[in-house]
């Protein structure tokens, strides 16, 4: 899968969300559920971000009966490969999580796919947990479209989070455990390098 960026501006100039949740303390952290193609790749990006406590690969948008890799890969279950990002809202915000989602983690302008990974299971989606998350995501998408940050309109859907199903253990932290796997070398690791190169201020300290 190629990683042709749709960006037309420098990453350093990527817009900050005009509307965001305030920085606050939260016992156990806050959560964001995001889908942007293969969950191996999006998980790898967020594991490198300061303020992120944990990232879990999984499935969202369908039912528990078919929340498994084989069925989801059929593209007929309604699920998307997704990640649940747990973050410390005193160190980063929901809006900042979304900024990385749109700028680094995937191409939000491609409907039902990422590169050669095609199908509804690879769609770009934000699964909002409440009205506050929905409003912030909706306003940010409108802001980015209005600023013509991308060459094409944003295709990301906003879907209510009914339930998040954790993926099989083999898929958890996959990129870190399989750095030599061809897909990881071709797609996931370049995204992490893009994060380190263009947005070093948000990279977690070693």
Protein backbone atom coordinates (compact mmCIF):
# COMPACT_ATOMS: atom_id res chain seq x y z
CA UNK A 1 0.00 0.00 0.00
CA UNK A 2 1.42 3.36 -0.97
CA UNK A 3 1.38 6.30 1.42
CA UNK A 4 0.74 9.21 -0.93
CA UNK A 5 0.00 12.20 1.27
CA UNK A 6 -2.99 14.35 0.30
CA UNK A 7 -1.53 17.28 2.25
CA UNK A 8 -0.88 20.53 0.42
CA UNK A 9 0.74 22.39 3.33
CA UNK A 10 3.64 21.76 5.66
CA UNK A 11 2.91 19.44 8.56
CA UNK A 12 4.18 22.14 10.88
CA UNK A 13 1.38 24.39 9.64
CA UNK A 14 -1.40 21.83 10.04
CA UNK A 15 -4.28 23.69 11.75
CA UNK A 16 -4.96 23.33 15.45
CA UNK A 17 -8.61 22.60 16.28
CA UNK A 18 -10.49 25.82 16.92
CA UNK A 19 -12.73 23.96 19.37
CA UNK A 20 -11.33 21.40 21.80
CA UNK A 21 -11.84 19.92 25.23
CA UNK A 22 -9.88 21.70 27.96
CA UNK A 23 -6.85 20.09 29.56
CA UNK A 24 -7.94 18.31 32.72
CA UNK A 25 -7.06 15.51 35.07
CA UNK A 26 -8.89 12.20 34.70
CA UNK A 27 -8.32 9.06 36.70
CA UNK A 28 -7.81 6.21 34.26
CA UNK A 29 -7.51 8.53 31.26
CA UNK A 30 -9.85 9.51 28.44
CA UNK A 31 -10.60 7.49 25.31
CA UNK A 32 -10.88 8.02 21.57
CA UNK A 33 -11.93 5.31 19.11
CA UNK A 34 -10.62 5.87 15.60
CA UNK A 35 -10.60 3.90 12.36
CA UNK A 36 -8.14 4.70 9.59
CA UNK A 37 -7.29 1.61 7.59
CA UNK A 38 -5.18 -1.22 8.97
CA UNK A 39 -5.13 -1.02 12.77
CA UNK A 40 -1.51 -2.17 12.87
CA UNK A 41 -0.50 1.18 11.36
CA UNK A 42 -2.68 3.58 13.32
CA UNK A 43 -1.78 1.79 16.55
CA UNK A 44 1.93 2.22 15.80
CA UNK A 45 1.53 5.99 15.37
CA UNK A 46 -0.32 6.59 18.62
CA UNK A 47 1.98 4.38 20.67
CA UNK A 48 4.71 6.91 19.89
CA UNK A 49 2.73 9.95 21.14
CA UNK A 50 3.34 11.79 24.40
CA UNK A 51 0.36 11.57 26.75
CA UNK A 52 -0.97 8.33 25.27
CA UNK A 53 -1.34 5.71 27.98
CA UNK A 54 -2.41 2.72 25.91
CA UNK A 55 -3.59 1.72 22.44
CA UNK A 56 -5.73 -1.32 21.73
CA UNK A 57 -6.50 -2.70 18.27
CA UNK A 58 -10.06 -3.80 17.72
CA UNK A 59 -13.31 -3.53 15.82
CA UNK A 60 -16.12 -0.97 15.96
CA UNK A 61 -19.35 -0.45 14.07
CA UNK A 62 -20.72 -4.00 14.13
CA UNK A 63 -21.90 -6.65 16.55
CA UNK A 64 -20.03 -9.02 18.82
CA UNK A 65 -21.02 -12.10 16.83
CA UNK A 66 -18.76 -11.16 13.92
CA UNK A 67 -16.09 -9.15 15.75
CA UNK A 68 -13.19 -11.31 14.64
CA UNK A 69 -10.48 -10.79 12.05
CA UNK A 70 -11.67 -13.36 9.54
CA UNK A 71 -15.24 -12.08 9.42
CA UNK A 72 -14.31 -8.40 9.51
CA UNK A 73 -11.94 -8.88 6.57
CA UNK A 74 -14.94 -9.86 4.45
CA UNK A 75 -16.11 -6.26 4.58
CA UNK A 76 -19.69 -7.38 5.23
CA UNK A 77 -19.94 -7.13 9.02
CA UNK A 78 -20.28 -3.37 9.40
CA UNK A 79 -17.12 -3.19 11.49
CA UNK A 80 -14.09 -1.07 10.83
CA UNK A 81 -10.62 -1.98 11.98
CA UNK A 82 -10.22 0.54 14.78
CA UNK A 83 -8.07 1.51 17.71
CA UNK A 84 -9.01 2.66 21.19
CA UNK A 85 -6.56 5.32 22.31
CA UNK A 86 -6.39 5.91 26.06
CA UNK A 87 -4.72 9.23 26.81
CA UNK A 88 -3.96 11.50 29.73
CA UNK A 89 -6.13 14.61 29.15
CA UNK A 90 -3.78 16.67 31.30
CA UNK A 91 -1.01 16.06 28.73
CA UNK A 92 -2.92 15.97 25.46
CA UNK A 93 -6.49 16.58 24.32
CA UNK A 94 -9.13 14.95 22.17
CA UNK A 95 -8.53 17.65 19.58
CA UNK A 96 -4.81 16.88 19.49
CA UNK A 97 -5.59 13.19 19.06
CA UNK A 98 -7.76 14.15 16.08
CA UNK A 99 -5.07 16.41 14.64
CA UNK A 100 -2.68 13.44 14.45
CA UNK A 101 -5.45 11.26 13.05
CA UNK A 102 -5.99 13.61 10.11
CA UNK A 103 -2.41 14.71 9.53
CA UNK A 104 -0.24 11.65 10.18
CA UNK A 105 -2.11 8.43 10.90
CA UNK A 106 -3.97 7.98 7.61
CA UNK A 107 -5.43 9.59 4.49
CA UNK A 108 -8.86 10.90 5.54
CA UNK A 109 -9.89 11.70 1.96
CA UNK A 110 -10.13 8.12 0.70
CA UNK A 111 -13.59 6.59 1.21
CA UNK A 112 -13.78 2.92 2.20
CA UNK A 113 -10.10 2.20 2.06
CA UNK A 114 -6.48 3.15 2.55
CA UNK A 115 -4.27 2.75 -0.47
CA UNK A 116 -4.76 -0.77 -1.79
CA UNK A 117 -6.61 -1.89 1.36
CA UNK A 118 -10.16 -1.52 0.08
CA UNK A 119 -13.50 -2.12 1.76
CA UNK A 120 -15.73 -0.70 4.46
CA UNK A 121 -13.61 -2.40 7.11
CA UNK A 122 -10.81 0.05 6.20
CA UNK A 123 -13.00 3.17 6.21
CA UNK A 124 -11.99 6.40 7.88
CA UNK A 125 -14.24 6.92 10.91
CA UNK A 126 -14.40 8.58 14.29
CA UNK A 127 -16.55 6.62 16.72
CA UNK A 128 -17.71 9.30 19.13
CA UNK A 129 -18.50 8.36 22.71
CA UNK A 130 -20.69 11.38 23.47
CA UNK A 131 -22.09 14.57 22.02
CA UNK A 132 -19.00 16.54 23.01
CA UNK A 133 -16.70 14.31 20.97
CA UNK A 134 -19.11 14.38 18.03
CA UNK A 135 -19.28 18.18 18.04
CA UNK A 136 -15.51 18.66 18.25
CA UNK A 137 -14.88 16.15 15.44
CA UNK A 138 -17.58 17.66 13.23
CA UNK A 139 -16.27 21.19 13.72
CA UNK A 140 -12.68 20.14 13.06
CA UNK A 141 -13.61 18.39 9.82
CA UNK A 142 -15.46 21.52 8.71
CA UNK A 143 -12.45 23.63 9.68
CA UNK A 144 -10.04 21.47 7.66
CA UNK A 145 -12.34 21.39 4.63
CA UNK A 146 -12.81 25.14 4.74
CA UNK A 147 -9.04 25.67 4.95
CA UNK A 148 -8.60 23.35 1.92
CA UNK A 149 -5.87 21.46 3.74
CA UNK A 150 -6.41 18.49 1.44
CA UNK A 151 -6.76 18.19 -2.31
CA UNK A 152 -9.98 16.22 -1.84
CA UNK A 153 -12.87 16.50 0.64
CA UNK A 154 -12.55 14.62 3.91
CA UNK A 155 -14.37 11.29 3.72
CA UNK A 156 -14.23 10.49 7.45
CA UNK A 157 -17.57 9.41 8.89
CA UNK A 158 -18.79 10.21 12.39
CA UNK A 159 -20.43 7.17 13.95
CA UNK A 160 -21.76 6.67 17.48
CA UNK A 161 -19.66 4.28 19.53
CA UNK A 162 -21.97 1.45 20.54
CA UNK A 163 -19.24 -0.98 21.55
CA UNK A 164 -15.55 -1.52 20.93
CA UNK A 165 -14.39 -5.11 20.57
CA UNK A 166 -10.74 -5.90 21.26
CA UNK A 167 -8.99 -7.72 18.42
CA UNK A 168 -7.19 -11.00 18.83
CA UNK A 169 -3.95 -10.94 20.81
CA UNK A 170 -1.84 -11.48 17.67
CA UNK A 171 -2.89 -8.02 16.44
CA UNK A 172 -1.98 -6.10 19.60
CA UNK A 173 1.17 -3.95 19.35
CA UNK A 174 1.78 -5.75 16.08
CA UNK A 175 4.19 -3.26 14.50
CA UNK A 176 6.53 -3.20 17.49
CA UNK A 177 6.57 -6.98 17.68
CA UNK A 178 7.00 -7.49 13.93
CA UNK A 179 9.23 -4.66 12.66
CA UNK A 180 10.60 -6.74 9.78
CA UNK A 181 7.21 -7.77 8.42
CA UNK A 182 6.98 -6.35 4.85
CA UNK A 183 3.68 -4.51 5.36
CA UNK A 184 4.92 -2.96 8.59
CA UNK A 185 8.17 -1.85 6.93
CA UNK A 186 6.31 -0.41 3.94
CA UNK A 187 3.40 1.30 5.66
CA UNK A 188 3.42 1.45 9.47
CA UNK A 189 7.03 2.42 10.17
CA UNK A 190 7.06 5.26 7.60
CA UNK A 191 4.06 6.77 9.40
CA UNK A 192 5.92 6.68 12.70
CA UNK A 193 8.96 8.25 11.04
CA UNK A 194 6.72 10.92 9.55
CA UNK A 195 5.46 11.69 13.05
CA UNK A 196 9.00 11.91 14.44
CA UNK A 197 10.19 14.11 11.57
CA UNK A 198 7.30 16.53 11.21
CA UNK A 199 5.81 16.69 14.71
CA UNK A 200 8.66 15.93 17.13
CA UNK A 201 7.09 17.98 19.92
CA UNK A 202 4.35 15.36 20.41
CA UNK A 203 6.62 12.32 20.35
CA UNK A 204 6.83 10.48 23.66
CA UNK A 205 10.10 10.89 25.47
CA UNK A 206 12.18 7.72 25.69
